[in-house]
C-alpha atoms as a PDB file:
ATOM      1  CA  UNK A   1      -9.560  -8.554 -15.083  1.00  0.00           C
ATOM      2  CA  UNK A   2      -8.502  -7.474 -18.559  1.00  0.00           C
ATOM      3  CA  UNK A   3      -8.228  -4.068 -20.105  1.00  0.00           C
ATOM      4  CA  UNK A   4      -9.325  -3.351 -23.653  1.00  0.00           C
ATOM      5  CA  UNK A   5      -6.651  -2.272 -26.102  1.00  0.00           C
ATOM      6  CA  UNK A   6      -8.346   1.020 -26.970  1.00  0.00           C
ATOM      7  CA  UNK A   7     -10.189   3.292 -24.543  1.00  0.00           C
ATOM      8  CA  UNK A   8     -13.888   3.783 -25.204  1.00  0.00           C
ATOM      9  CA  UNK A   9     -14.759   7.379 -24.238  1.00  0.00           C
ATOM     10  CA  UNK A  10     -18.517   6.765 -24.482  1.00  0.00           C
ATOM     11  CA  UNK A  11     -18.404   3.748 -22.170  1.00  0.00           C
ATOM     12  CA  UNK A  12     -16.031   5.565 -19.820  1.00  0.00           C
ATOM     13  CA  UNK A  13     -18.370   8.562 -19.708  1.00  0.00           C
ATOM     14  CA  UNK A  14     -21.314   6.318 -18.905  1.00  0.00           C
ATOM     15  CA  UNK A  15     -19.400   4.611 -16.107  1.00  0.00           C
ATOM     16  CA  UNK A  16     -18.325   7.987 -14.752  1.00  0.00           C
ATOM     17  CA  UNK A  17     -21.920   9.250 -14.746  1.00  0.00           C
ATOM     18  CA  UNK A  18     -23.091   6.106 -12.945  1.00  0.00           C
ATOM     19  CA  UNK A  19     -20.298   6.354 -10.355  1.00  0.00           C
ATOM     20  CA  UNK A  20     -21.122  10.036  -9.836  1.00  0.00           C
ATOM     21  CA  UNK A  21     -24.778   9.237  -9.237  1.00  0.00           C
ATOM     22  CA  UNK A  22     -23.816   6.467  -6.797  1.00  0.00           C
ATOM     23  CA  UNK A  23     -21.480   8.751  -4.828  1.00  0.00           C
ATOM     24  CA  UNK A  24     -24.151  11.442  -4.525  1.00  0.00           C
ATOM     25  CA  UNK A  25     -26.812   8.895  -3.555  1.00  0.00           C
ATOM     26  CA  UNK A  26     -24.505   7.421  -0.904  1.00  0.00           C
ATOM     27  CA  UNK A  27     -24.320  10.892   0.652  1.00  0.00           C
ATOM     28  CA  UNK A  28     -28.080  11.358   0.784  1.00  0.00           C
ATOM     29  CA  UNK A  29     -28.180  13.478  -2.366  1.00  0.00           C
ATOM     30  CA  UNK A  30     -25.858  16.151  -0.938  1.00  0.00           C
ATOM     31  CA  UNK A  31     -23.293  16.990  -3.612  1.00  0.00           C
ATOM     32  CA  UNK A  32     -20.981  18.843  -1.205  1.00  0.00           C
ATOM     33  CA  UNK A  33     -20.920  15.844   1.132  1.00  0.00           C
ATOM     34  CA  UNK A  34     -20.130  13.590  -1.827  1.00  0.00           C
ATOM     35  CA  UNK A  35     -17.181  15.794  -2.817  1.00  0.00           C
ATOM     36  CA  UNK A  36     -15.913  15.834   0.779  1.00  0.00           C
ATOM     37  CA  UNK A  37     -16.173  12.040   1.003  1.00  0.00           C
ATOM     38  CA  UNK A  38     -14.254  11.636  -2.243  1.00  0.00           C
ATOM     39  CA  UNK A  39     -11.519  14.008  -1.055  1.00  0.00           C
ATOM     40  CA  UNK A  40     -11.154  11.987   2.156  1.00  0.00           C
ATOM     41  CA  UNK A  41     -11.100   8.723   0.184  1.00  0.00           C
ATOM     42  CA  UNK A  42      -8.474  10.110  -2.181  1.00  0.00           C
ATOM     43  CA  UNK A  43      -6.273  11.140   0.749  1.00  0.00           C
ATOM     44  CA  UNK A  44      -6.579   7.650   2.198  1.00  0.00           C
ATOM     45  CA  UNK A  45      -5.613   6.057  -1.124  1.00  0.00           C
ATOM     46  CA  UNK A  46      -2.625   8.403  -1.515  1.00  0.00           C
ATOM     47  CA  UNK A  47      -1.415   7.380   1.951  1.00  0.00           C
ATOM     48  CA  UNK A  48      -1.807   3.710   0.985  1.00  0.00           C
ATOM     49  CA  UNK A  49       0.285   4.270  -2.153  1.00  0.00           C
ATOM     50  CA  UNK A  50       3.022   5.944  -0.087  1.00  0.00           C
ATOM     51  CA  UNK A  51       3.059   3.001   2.335  1.00  0.00           C
ATOM     52  CA  UNK A  52       3.179   0.451  -0.479  1.00  0.00           C
ATOM     53  CA  UNK A  53       5.980   2.286  -2.248  1.00  0.00           C
ATOM     54  CA  UNK A  54       7.971   2.320   0.976  1.00  0.00           C
ATOM     55  CA  UNK A  55       7.391  -1.425   1.384  1.00  0.00           C
ATOM     56  CA  UNK A  56       8.494  -2.388  -2.152  1.00  0.00           C
ATOM     57  CA  UNK A  57      12.223  -2.728  -2.675  1.00  0.00           C
ATOM     58  CA  UNK A  58      13.672  -0.348  -5.245  1.00  0.00           C
ATOM     59  CA  UNK A  59      15.340  -3.309  -6.974  1.00  0.00           C
ATOM     60  CA  UNK A  60      11.993  -5.013  -7.474  1.00  0.00           C
ATOM     61  CA  UNK A  61      10.404  -1.823  -8.811  1.00  0.00           C
ATOM     62  CA  UNK A  62      13.397  -1.294 -11.130  1.00  0.00           C
ATOM     63  CA  UNK A  63      13.412   2.452 -10.773  1.00  0.00           C
ATOM     64  CA  UNK A  64       9.771   3.001 -11.715  1.00  0.00           C
ATOM     65  CA  UNK A  65       9.497   5.453  -8.830  1.00  0.00           C
ATOM     66  CA  UNK A  66      11.752   7.223  -6.382  1.00  0.00           C
ATOM     67  CA  UNK A  67      12.385   5.332  -3.157  1.00  0.00           C
ATOM     68  CA  UNK A  68      10.450   6.713  -0.217  1.00  0.00           C
ATOM     69  CA  UNK A  69      12.564   8.755   2.173  1.00  0.00           C
ATOM     70  CA  UNK A  70      13.131   7.016   5.466  1.00  0.00           C
ATOM     71  CA  UNK A  71      11.617   8.757   8.487  1.00  0.00           C
ATOM     72  CA  UNK A  72      14.294  10.027  10.807  1.00  0.00           C
ATOM     73  CA  UNK A  73      13.820   9.390  14.473  1.00  0.00           C
ATOM     74  CA  UNK A  74      16.244  11.929  15.937  1.00  0.00           C
END
């Protein structure tokens, strides 16, 4: 998987339109349901990022992000 050196706004816009249509179609044409599904998916992905950041040593990441606070079990 390679990324092009320069972004292509026209291609990106086309991909965004296609992804939008797919999300709406997956929710039976209901735009509100599509937005809800995307909000839920985004929350899931944010939780995954938090878990991965907690699992990666701060030395390996070389300070690219703040270490996750450890949960206290008092």
